[in-house]
Amino acid sequence: MSENLGTTKKDENKDKEYIKPMVAPVRTIGMDAPLRWLKKGFADFKKVKKLSLTYGIVMMFISIIITYVAYSAGSIVLSIALVAGFFFMGPAIGIGLYSMSRQLENGVTPEFLRCLKEGKKNLSDELVLSFVFLIIFLIWARSASMVHIFFPSISHMSVMDWVKFLSIGSAVGAIFATLIFTFGAFSIPMLMDRKVDAITAILTSISAVLRNKVVMIYWGILIVVLILIGIATFFIGFAFLLPIVGHATWHAYREVVDADAWELGPGLGKDEEE
């Protein structure tokens, strides 16, 4: 009887050990953090220049192709929607860059195949998160088309009509972009780093953004500015700027989120050794 009680208590203790909070603890950060993240992101870019540039060049060509397709269709609205949609999926697209920075931080030489393995290890939860982003984008695209109804003849619009069109469209887009940013700022890096589910990662990201609202607004503005610089350089700047932002996002996650309660995910060379 006493042996059974002892066994039951041991089982209960084991269960308690595996109980994880629904949201990871988050830290409060200062206004100097975003520039520090970019500095660290640039340092990572220099350490893995070939891999980072390859990633950036691929993103650059995707942006060019999307813009060309929209231009061929003769629709500026389609062009804006496609390019915006591409960046709406930015948090998920940056998985490979988060993986490189994670490997560097843990003293592992980044490799392309290891990045792919890391991307696959939590594939189901990453797909859930990507699906959430896709749904938000589709709702945004529908909203954008509704705005377009009020401006049916773009070719004959006056300057004031353009101002109204872009102002309303930007306001609507900003709402959905804020949702994507809030959900994805820290969730994908957390999924990459730890054995955690998508719901916990999303709730943690929301908690971190809400706790550091002003800093995260500043971080979001910096990202938008860098994207605009990339567009202004006919997308050539994306080859350098997007990888730096991706690496910086990893360092933002590491500085803000305390995920030590969850086990490290594979992909740091330890699995291969075992």
C-alpha atoms as a PDB file:
ATOM      1  CA  MET A   1       0.000   0.000   0.000  1.00  0.00           C
ATOM      2  CA  SER A   2       2.777   2.425   1.003  1.00  0.00           C
ATOM      3  CA  GLU A   3       4.670   1.484  -2.166  1.00  0.00           C
ATOM      4  CA  ASN A   4       1.608   2.399  -4.266  1.00  0.00           C
ATOM      5  CA  LEU A   5       1.326   5.761  -2.490  1.00  0.00           C
ATOM      6  CA  GLY A   6       5.004   6.419  -3.101  1.00  0.00           C
ATOM      7  CA  THR A   7       4.644   5.573  -6.779  1.00  0.00           C
ATOM      8  CA  THR A   8       1.578   7.835  -7.080  1.00  0.00           C
ATOM      9  CA  LYS A   9       3.448  10.762  -5.527  1.00  0.00           C
ATOM     10  CA  LYS A  10       6.363  10.235  -7.891  1.00  0.00           C
ATOM     11  CA  ASP A  11       3.974  10.216 -10.864  1.00  0.00           C
ATOM     12  CA  GLU A  12       2.344  13.423  -9.616  1.00  0.00           C
ATOM     13  CA  ASN A  13       5.739  15.082  -9.265  1.00  0.00           C
ATOM     14  CA  LYS A  14       6.633  14.014 -12.804  1.00  0.00           C
ATOM     15  CA  ASP A  15       3.352  15.475 -14.095  1.00  0.00           C
ATOM     16  CA  LYS A  16       4.096  18.759 -12.341  1.00  0.00           C
ATOM     17  CA  GLU A  17       7.512  18.889 -13.962  1.00  0.00           C
ATOM     18  CA  TYR A  18       5.934  18.666 -17.411  1.00  0.00           C
ATOM     19  CA  ILE A  19       3.253  21.306 -16.761  1.00  0.00           C
ATOM     20  CA  LYS A  20       4.221  24.423 -18.666  1.00  0.00           C
ATOM     21  CA  PRO A  21       2.626  27.867 -18.479  1.00  0.00           C
ATOM     22  CA  MET A  22       0.380  28.953 -21.346  1.00  0.00           C
ATOM     23  CA  VAL A  23       2.497  32.068 -21.845  1.00  0.00           C
ATOM     24  CA  ALA A  24       6.264  32.401 -21.475  1.00  0.00           C
ATOM     25  CA  PRO A  25       7.536  35.201 -19.207  1.00  0.00           C
ATOM     26  CA  VAL A  26       8.515  38.354 -21.114  1.00  0.00           C
ATOM     27  CA  ARG A  27      10.913  41.146 -20.216  1.00  0.00           C
ATOM     28  CA  THR A  28      10.434  44.910 -20.409  1.00  0.00           C
ATOM     29  CA  ILE A  29      12.965  46.548 -22.742  1.00  0.00           C
ATOM     30  CA  GLY A  30      14.187  50.074 -23.447  1.00  0.00           C
ATOM     31  CA  MET A  31      13.964  52.254 -26.550  1.00  0.00           C
ATOM     32  CA  ASP A  32      17.560  51.466 -27.437  1.00  0.00           C
ATOM     33  CA  ALA A  33      16.717  47.784 -28.018  1.00  0.00           C
ATOM     34  CA  PRO A  34      15.644  47.893 -31.721  1.00  0.00           C
ATOM     35  CA  LEU A  35      18.899  49.505 -32.873  1.00  0.00           C
ATOM     36  CA  ARG A  36      20.823  46.978 -30.773  1.00  0.00           C
ATOM     37  CA  TRP A  37      18.928  44.141 -32.491  1.00  0.00           C
ATOM     38  CA  LEU A  38      19.806  45.555 -35.905  1.00  0.00           C
ATOM     39  CA  LYS A  39      23.449  45.850 -34.874  1.00  0.00           C
ATOM     40  CA  LYS A  40      23.475  42.197 -33.768  1.00  0.00           C
ATOM     41  CA  GLY A  41      21.604  41.223 -36.946  1.00  0.00           C
ATOM     42  CA  PHE A  42      24.250  42.929 -39.060  1.00  0.00           C
ATOM     43  CA  ALA A  43      26.969  41.110 -37.098  1.00  0.00           C
ATOM     44  CA  ASP A  44      25.279  37.777 -37.864  1.00  0.00           C
ATOM     45  CA  PHE A  45      24.920  38.787 -41.521  1.00  0.00           C
ATOM     46  CA  LYS A  46      28.682  39.329 -41.750  1.00  0.00           C
ATOM     47  CA  LYS A  47      29.414  35.982 -40.058  1.00  0.00           C
ATOM     48  CA  VAL A  48      27.272  34.000 -42.521  1.00  0.00           C
ATOM     49  CA  LYS A  49      27.423  36.346 -45.498  1.00  0.00           C
ATOM     50  CA  LYS A  50      27.037  33.715 -48.219  1.00  0.00           C
ATOM     51  CA  LEU A  51      24.001  32.009 -46.680  1.00  0.00           C
ATOM     52  CA  SER A  52      22.390  35.322 -45.731  1.00  0.00           C
ATOM     53  CA  LEU A  53      22.970  36.865 -49.154  1.00  0.00           C
ATOM     54  CA  THR A  54      21.593  33.771 -50.870  1.00  0.00           C
ATOM     55  CA  TYR A  55      18.459  34.056 -48.761  1.00  0.00           C
ATOM     56  CA  GLY A  56      18.196  37.793 -49.456  1.00  0.00           C
ATOM     57  CA  ILE A  57      18.718  37.419 -53.206  1.00  0.00           C
ATOM     58  CA  VAL A  58      15.964  34.785 -53.391  1.00  0.00           C
ATOM     59  CA  MET A  59      13.598  37.170 -51.554  1.00  0.00           C
ATOM     60  CA  MET A  60      14.660  39.983 -53.905  1.00  0.00           C
ATOM     61  CA  PHE A  61      13.822  37.953 -57.015  1.00  0.00           C
ATOM     62  CA  ILE A  62      10.489  36.852 -55.558  1.00  0.00           C
ATOM     63  CA  SER A  63       9.615  40.517 -54.969  1.00  0.00           C
ATOM     64  CA  ILE A  64      10.631  41.412 -58.535  1.00  0.00           C
ATOM     65  CA  ILE A  65       8.577  38.556 -60.010  1.00  0.00           C
ATOM     66  CA  ILE A  66       5.516  39.505 -57.936  1.00  0.00           C
ATOM     67  CA  THR A  67       5.786  43.124 -59.053  1.00  0.00           C
ATOM     68  CA  TYR A  68       6.285  42.111 -62.705  1.00  0.00           C
ATOM     69  CA  VAL A  69       3.212  39.860 -62.634  1.00  0.00           C
ATOM     70  CA  ALA A  70       1.110  42.644 -61.133  1.00  0.00           C
ATOM     71  CA  TYR A  71       2.494  45.204 -63.603  1.00  0.00           C
ATOM     72  CA  SER A  72       1.728  42.879 -66.526  1.00  0.00           C
ATOM     73  CA  ALA A  73      -1.840  42.647 -65.289  1.00  0.00           C
ATOM     74  CA  GLY A  74      -2.004  46.456 -65.447  1.00  0.00           C
ATOM     75  CA  SER A  75      -3.282  46.805 -61.889  1.00  0.00           C
ATOM     76  CA  ILE A  76      -1.552  48.926 -59.287  1.00  0.00           C
ATOM     77  CA  VAL A  77      -4.014  47.577 -56.710  1.00  0.00           C
ATOM     78  CA  LEU A  78      -2.950  44.016 -57.503  1.00  0.00           C
ATOM     79  CA  SER A  79       0.684  45.053 -57.284  1.00  0.00           C
ATOM     80  CA  ILE A  80       0.213  46.577 -53.830  1.00  0.00           C
ATOM     81  CA  ALA A  81      -1.818  43.560 -52.678  1.00  0.00           C
ATOM     82  CA  LEU A  82       0.736  40.989 -53.865  1.00  0.00           C
ATOM     83  CA  VAL A  83       3.765  42.799 -52.460  1.00  0.00           C
ATOM     84  CA  ALA A  84       1.962  43.442 -49.166  1.00  0.00           C
ATOM     85  CA  GLY A  85       0.902  39.797 -49.023  1.00  0.00           C
ATOM     86  CA  PHE A  86       4.493  38.699 -49.490  1.00  0.00           C
ATOM     87  CA  PHE A  87       5.575  40.797 -46.516  1.00  0.00           C
ATOM     88  CA  PHE A  88       2.535  39.761 -44.500  1.00  0.00           C
ATOM     89  CA  MET A  89       4.076  36.286 -44.587  1.00  0.00           C
ATOM     90  CA  GLY A  90       7.458  37.752 -43.579  1.00  0.00           C
ATOM     91  CA  PRO A  91       7.603  36.233 -40.063  1.00  0.00           C
ATOM     92  CA  ALA A  92       7.185  32.740 -41.523  1.00  0.00           C
ATOM     93  CA  ILE A  93       9.522  33.406 -44.466  1.00  0.00           C
ATOM     94  CA  GLY A  94      12.317  34.353 -42.062  1.00  0.00           C
ATOM     95  CA  ILE A  95      12.592  30.867 -40.521  1.00  0.00           C
ATOM     96  CA  GLY A  96      15.907  30.128 -42.228  1.00  0.00           C
ATOM     97  CA  LEU A  97      17.449  33.365 -40.943  1.00  0.00           C
ATOM     98  CA  TYR A  98      16.304  32.667 -37.373  1.00  0.00           C
ATOM     99  CA  SER A  99      17.882  29.234 -37.698  1.00  0.00           C
ATOM    100  CA  MET A 100      21.242  30.695 -38.774  1.00  0.00           C
ATOM    101  CA  SER A 101      21.331  33.122 -35.837  1.00  0.00           C
ATOM    102  CA  ARG A 102      20.302  30.349 -33.444  1.00  0.00           C
ATOM    103  CA  GLN A 103      23.145  28.154 -34.619  1.00  0.00           C
ATOM    104  CA  LEU A 104      25.655  31.006 -34.337  1.00  0.00           C
ATOM    105  CA  GLU A 105      24.496  31.794 -30.801  1.00  0.00           C
ATOM    106  CA  ASN A 106      25.016  28.174 -29.770  1.00  0.00           C
ATOM    107  CA  GLY A 107      28.481  27.885 -31.297  1.00  0.00           C
ATOM    108  CA  VAL A 108      27.371  25.779 -34.265  1.00  0.00           C
ATOM    109  CA  THR A 109      28.527  26.545 -37.799  1.00  0.00           C
ATOM    110  CA  PRO A 110      25.353  27.367 -39.792  1.00  0.00           C
ATOM    111  CA  GLU A 111      24.608  24.973 -42.627  1.00  0.00           C
ATOM    112  CA  PHE A 112      21.864  25.064 -45.233  1.00  0.00           C
ATOM    113  CA  LEU A 113      20.719  21.481 -44.569  1.00  0.00           C
ATOM    114  CA  ARG A 114      20.587  22.107 -40.822  1.00  0.00           C
ATOM    115  CA  CYS A 115      18.401  25.168 -41.467  1.00  0.00           C
ATOM    116  CA  LEU A 116      16.007  22.955 -43.433  1.00  0.00           C
ATOM    117  CA  LYS A 117      15.929  20.388 -40.618  1.00  0.00           C
ATOM    118  CA  GLU A 118      15.150  23.081 -38.078  1.00  0.00           C
ATOM    119  CA  GLY A 119      12.371  24.393 -40.290  1.00  0.00           C
ATOM    120  CA  LYS A 120      10.840  20.907 -40.513  1.00  0.00           C
ATOM    121  CA  LYS A 121      11.082  19.946 -36.847  1.00  0.00           C
ATOM    122  CA  ASN A 122       8.020  21.949 -35.763  1.00  0.00           C
ATOM    123  CA  LEU A 123       6.371  21.919 -39.153  1.00  0.00           C
ATOM    124  CA  SER A 124       2.791  21.298 -37.967  1.00  0.00           C
ATOM    125  CA  ASP A 125       2.803  24.268 -35.582  1.00  0.00           C
ATOM    126  CA  GLU A 126       4.593  26.470 -38.107  1.00  0.00           C
ATOM    127  CA  LEU A 127       1.934  25.587 -40.683  1.00  0.00           C
ATOM    128  CA  VAL A 128      -0.793  26.488 -38.174  1.00  0.00           C
ATOM    129  CA  LEU A 129       0.825  29.882 -37.653  1.00  0.00           C
ATOM    130  CA  SER A 130       1.367  30.410 -41.390  1.00  0.00           C
ATOM    131  CA  PHE A 131      -2.283  29.502 -41.964  1.00  0.00           C
ATOM    132  CA  VAL A 132      -3.333  32.157 -39.429  1.00  0.00           C
ATOM    133  CA  PHE A 133      -1.207  34.712 -41.301  1.00  0.00           C
ATOM    134  CA  LEU A 134      -2.733  33.603 -44.609  1.00  0.00           C
ATOM    135  CA  ILE A 135      -6.296  33.991 -43.280  1.00  0.00           C
ATOM    136  CA  ILE A 136      -5.510  37.494 -42.041  1.00  0.00           C
ATOM    137  CA  PHE A 137      -3.992  38.341 -45.422  1.00  0.00           C
ATOM    138  CA  LEU A 138      -7.041  37.040 -47.304  1.00  0.00           C
ATOM    139  CA  ILE A 139      -9.349  39.112 -45.086  1.00  0.00           C
ATOM    140  CA  TRP A 140      -7.111  42.125 -45.724  1.00  0.00           C
ATOM    141  CA  ALA A 141      -7.164  41.475 -49.487  1.00  0.00           C
ATOM    142  CA  ARG A 142     -10.966  41.335 -49.376  1.00  0.00           C
ATOM    143  CA  SER A 143     -11.049  44.590 -47.427  1.00  0.00           C
ATOM    144  CA  ALA A 144      -8.678  46.185 -49.934  1.00  0.00           C
ATOM    145  CA  SER A 145     -10.970  45.180 -52.801  1.00  0.00           C
ATOM    146  CA  MET A 146     -13.894  46.764 -50.959  1.00  0.00           C
ATOM    147  CA  VAL A 147     -11.919  50.021 -50.715  1.00  0.00           C
ATOM    148  CA  HIS A 148     -11.238  49.773 -54.457  1.00  0.00           C
ATOM    149  CA  ILE A 149     -14.987  49.700 -55.148  1.00  0.00           C
ATOM    150  CA  PHE A 150     -15.194  53.340 -54.049  1.00  0.00           C
ATOM    151  CA  PHE A 151     -12.435  54.254 -56.532  1.00  0.00           C
ATOM    152  CA  PRO A 152     -13.378  52.222 -59.638  1.00  0.00           C
ATOM    153  CA  SER A 153     -11.539  54.312 -62.242  1.00  0.00           C
ATOM    154  CA  ILE A 154      -7.969  54.646 -61.003  1.00  0.00           C
ATOM    155  CA  SER A 155      -6.679  55.887 -64.380  1.00  0.00           C
ATOM    156  CA  HIS A 156      -8.895  58.993 -64.151  1.00  0.00           C
ATOM    157  CA  MET A 157      -8.350  59.816 -60.486  1.00  0.00           C
ATOM    158  CA  SER A 158      -7.269  63.293 -59.394  1.00  0.00           C
ATOM    159  CA  VAL A 159      -4.435  63.963 -56.946  1.00  0.00           C
ATOM    160  CA  MET A 160      -6.902  64.329 -54.064  1.00  0.00           C
ATOM    161  CA  ASP A 161      -8.595  61.067 -55.045  1.00  0.00           C
ATOM    162  CA  TRP A 162      -5.195  59.357 -54.918  1.00  0.00           C
ATOM    163  CA  VAL A 163      -4.528  60.850 -51.487  1.00  0.00           C
ATOM    164  CA  LYS A 164      -7.869  59.557 -50.222  1.00  0.00           C
ATOM    165  CA  PHE A 165      -7.375  56.150 -51.840  1.00  0.00           C
ATOM    166  CA  LEU A 166      -3.882  55.644 -50.430  1.00  0.00           C
ATOM    167  CA  SER A 167      -4.845  57.029 -47.011  1.00  0.00           C
ATOM    168  CA  ILE A 168      -7.830  54.717 -46.608  1.00  0.00           C
ATOM    169  CA  GLY A 169      -5.959  51.740 -48.049  1.00  0.00           C
ATOM    170  CA  SER A 170      -2.972  52.353 -45.784  1.00  0.00           C
ATOM    171  CA  ALA A 171      -5.196  52.686 -42.714  1.00  0.00           C
ATOM    172  CA  VAL A 172      -6.955  49.406 -43.479  1.00  0.00           C
ATOM    173  CA  GLY A 173      -3.655  47.678 -44.250  1.00  0.00           C
ATOM    174  CA  ALA A 174      -2.095  49.019 -41.051  1.00  0.00           C
ATOM    175  CA  ILE A 175      -4.765  47.308 -38.948  1.00  0.00           C
ATOM    176  CA  PHE A 176      -4.051  43.898 -40.445  1.00  0.00           C
ATOM    177  CA  ALA A 177      -0.294  44.476 -40.511  1.00  0.00           C
ATOM    178  CA  THR A 178      -0.464  45.226 -36.773  1.00  0.00           C
ATOM    179  CA  LEU A 179      -2.236  41.904 -36.182  1.00  0.00           C
ATOM    180  CA  ILE A 180       0.409  40.010 -38.163  1.00  0.00           C
ATOM    181  CA  PHE A 181       3.211  41.853 -36.383  1.00  0.00           C
ATOM    182  CA  THR A 182       1.697  41.191 -32.951  1.00  0.00           C
ATOM    183  CA  PHE A 183       1.133  37.483 -33.636  1.00  0.00           C
ATOM    184  CA  GLY A 184       4.428  36.866 -35.429  1.00  0.00           C
ATOM    185  CA  ALA A 185       7.021  39.140 -33.823  1.00  0.00           C
ATOM    186  CA  PHE A 186       8.210  36.427 -31.428  1.00  0.00           C
ATOM    187  CA  SER A 187       6.119  33.324 -32.144  1.00  0.00           C
ATOM    188  CA  ILE A 188       8.032  31.861 -35.120  1.00  0.00           C
ATOM    189  CA  PRO A 189      11.477  32.281 -33.499  1.00  0.00           C
ATOM    190  CA  MET A 190      10.084  30.638 -30.363  1.00  0.00           C
ATOM    191  CA  LEU A 191       8.776  27.692 -32.376  1.00  0.00           C
ATOM    192  CA  MET A 192      12.196  27.433 -33.997  1.00  0.00           C
ATOM    193  CA  ASP A 193      14.019  27.499 -30.675  1.00  0.00           C
ATOM    194  CA  ARG A 194      11.880  25.461 -28.265  1.00  0.00           C
ATOM    195  CA  LYS A 195       9.575  22.459 -28.110  1.00  0.00           C
ATOM    196  CA  VAL A 196       6.449  24.571 -27.813  1.00  0.00           C
ATOM    197  CA  ASP A 197       3.004  24.615 -29.454  1.00  0.00           C
ATOM    198  CA  ALA A 198       1.679  27.314 -31.764  1.00  0.00           C
ATOM    199  CA  ILE A 199      -0.926  28.630 -29.293  1.00  0.00           C
ATOM    200  CA  THR A 200       1.662  29.223 -26.563  1.00  0.00           C
ATOM    201  CA  ALA A 201       3.990  30.888 -29.075  1.00  0.00           C
ATOM    202  CA  ILE A 202       1.234  33.229 -30.344  1.00  0.00           C
ATOM    203  CA  LEU A 203       0.053  34.148 -26.830  1.00  0.00           C
ATOM    204  CA  THR A 204       3.648  34.814 -25.787  1.00  0.00           C
ATOM    205  CA  SER A 205       4.189  37.061 -28.808  1.00  0.00           C
ATOM    206  CA  ILE A 206       1.004  39.019 -28.029  1.00  0.00           C
ATOM    207  CA  SER A 207       2.055  39.374 -24.380  1.00  0.00           C
ATOM    208  CA  ALA A 208       5.546  40.595 -25.333  1.00  0.00           C
ATOM    209  CA  VAL A 209       4.230  43.174 -27.810  1.00  0.00           C
ATOM    210  CA  LEU A 210       1.595  44.504 -25.414  1.00  0.00           C
ATOM    211  CA  ARG A 211       4.119  44.772 -22.587  1.00  0.00           C
ATOM    212  CA  ASN A 212       6.504  46.782 -24.789  1.00  0.00           C
ATOM    213  CA  LYS A 213       4.037  48.717 -26.948  1.00  0.00           C
ATOM    214  CA  VAL A 214       6.090  51.865 -27.591  1.00  0.00           C
ATOM    215  CA  VAL A 215       9.326  49.973 -28.279  1.00  0.00           C
ATOM    216  CA  MET A 216       7.560  47.541 -30.617  1.00  0.00           C
ATOM    217  CA  ILE A 217       5.928  50.421 -32.518  1.00  0.00           C
ATOM    218  CA  TYR A 218       9.428  51.863 -32.960  1.00  0.00           C
ATOM    219  CA  TRP A 219      10.702  48.442 -34.096  1.00  0.00           C
ATOM    220  CA  GLY A 220       7.832  48.118 -36.561  1.00  0.00           C
ATOM    221  CA  ILE A 221       8.526  51.596 -37.993  1.00  0.00           C
ATOM    222  CA  LEU A 222      12.209  50.709 -38.459  1.00  0.00           C
ATOM    223  CA  ILE A 223      11.220  47.551 -40.363  1.00  0.00           C
ATOM    224  CA  VAL A 224       8.818  49.528 -42.599  1.00  0.00           C
ATOM    225  CA  VAL A 225      11.534  52.129 -43.301  1.00  0.00           C
ATOM    226  CA  LEU A 226      14.015  49.407 -44.290  1.00  0.00           C
ATOM    227  CA  ILE A 227      11.416  47.803 -46.567  1.00  0.00           C
ATOM    228  CA  LEU A 228      10.709  51.169 -48.214  1.00  0.00           C
ATOM    229  CA  ILE A 229      14.452  51.651 -48.754  1.00  0.00           C
ATOM    230  CA  GLY A 230      14.528  48.217 -50.394  1.00  0.00           C
ATOM    231  CA  ILE A 231      11.631  49.139 -52.685  1.00  0.00           C
ATOM    232  CA  ALA A 232      13.252  52.513 -53.504  1.00  0.00           C
ATOM    233  CA  THR A 233      16.376  50.670 -54.681  1.00  0.00           C
ATOM    234  CA  PHE A 234      14.239  48.594 -57.083  1.00  0.00           C
ATOM    235  CA  PHE A 235      14.375  45.670 -54.610  1.00  0.00           C
ATOM    236  CA  ILE A 236      18.176  45.368 -54.775  1.00  0.00           C
ATOM    237  CA  GLY A 237      18.404  46.526 -51.167  1.00  0.00           C
ATOM    238  CA  PHE A 238      16.326  43.517 -50.098  1.00  0.00           C
ATOM    239  CA  ALA A 239      19.316  41.246 -50.703  1.00  0.00           C
ATOM    240  CA  PHE A 240      21.013  42.906 -47.716  1.00  0.00           C
ATOM    241  CA  LEU A 241      18.235  44.439 -45.631  1.00  0.00           C
ATOM    242  CA  LEU A 242      15.841  41.479 -45.337  1.00  0.00           C
ATOM    243  CA  PRO A 243      18.512  39.087 -43.966  1.00  0.00           C
ATOM    244  CA  ILE A 244      19.634  41.717 -41.435  1.00  0.00           C
ATOM    245  CA  VAL A 245      16.036  42.209 -40.246  1.00  0.00           C
ATOM    246  CA  GLY A 246      15.589  38.426 -40.032  1.00  0.00           C
ATOM    247  CA  HIS A 247      18.710  37.983 -37.906  1.00  0.00           C
ATOM    248  CA  ALA A 248      17.705  40.977 -35.778  1.00  0.00           C
ATOM    249  CA  THR A 249      14.285  39.414 -35.156  1.00  0.00           C
ATOM    250  CA  TRP A 250      15.999  36.396 -33.601  1.00  0.00           C
ATOM    251  CA  HIS A 251      17.913  38.638 -31.200  1.00  0.00           C
ATOM    252  CA  ALA A 252      14.694  40.505 -30.365  1.00  0.00           C
ATOM    253  CA  TYR A 253      13.090  37.200 -29.360  1.00  0.00           C
ATOM    254  CA  ARG A 254      16.099  36.156 -27.252  1.00  0.00           C
ATOM    255  CA  GLU A 255      16.164  39.477 -25.420  1.00  0.00           C
ATOM    256  CA  VAL A 256      12.429  39.779 -24.751  1.00  0.00           C
ATOM    257  CA  VAL A 257      11.152  36.209 -24.212  1.00  0.00           C
ATOM    258  CA  ASP A 258      12.291  33.942 -21.383  1.00  0.00           C
ATOM    259  CA  ALA A 259      11.586  30.487 -22.823  1.00  0.00           C
ATOM    260  CA  ASP A 260      13.841  28.492 -20.478  1.00  0.00           C
ATOM    261  CA  ALA A 261      10.853  26.511 -19.136  1.00  0.00           C
ATOM    262  CA  TRP A 262      10.663  24.691 -22.481  1.00  0.00           C
ATOM    263  CA  GLU A 263      13.200  22.214 -23.818  1.00  0.00           C
ATOM    264  CA  LEU A 264      15.533  23.299 -26.581  1.00  0.00           C
ATOM    265  CA  GLY A 265      14.494  22.029 -29.975  1.00  0.00           C
ATOM    266  CA  PRO A 266      16.850  19.943 -32.145  1.00  0.00           C
ATOM    267  CA  GLY A 267      19.169  21.307 -34.791  1.00  0.00           C
ATOM    268  CA  LEU A 268      22.231  22.335 -32.772  1.00  0.00           C
ATOM    269  CA  GLY A 269      24.370  19.321 -33.594  1.00  0.00           C
ATOM    270  CA  LYS A 270      23.410  17.489 -30.386  1.00  0.00           C
ATOM    271  CA  ASP A 271      20.892  15.217 -32.071  1.00  0.00           C
ATOM    272  CA  GLU A 272      23.430  14.059 -34.616  1.00  0.00           C
ATOM    273  CA  GLU A 273      25.873  13.177 -31.866  1.00  0.00           C
ATOM    274  CA  GLU A 274      23.319  11.064 -30.039  1.00  0.00           C
END
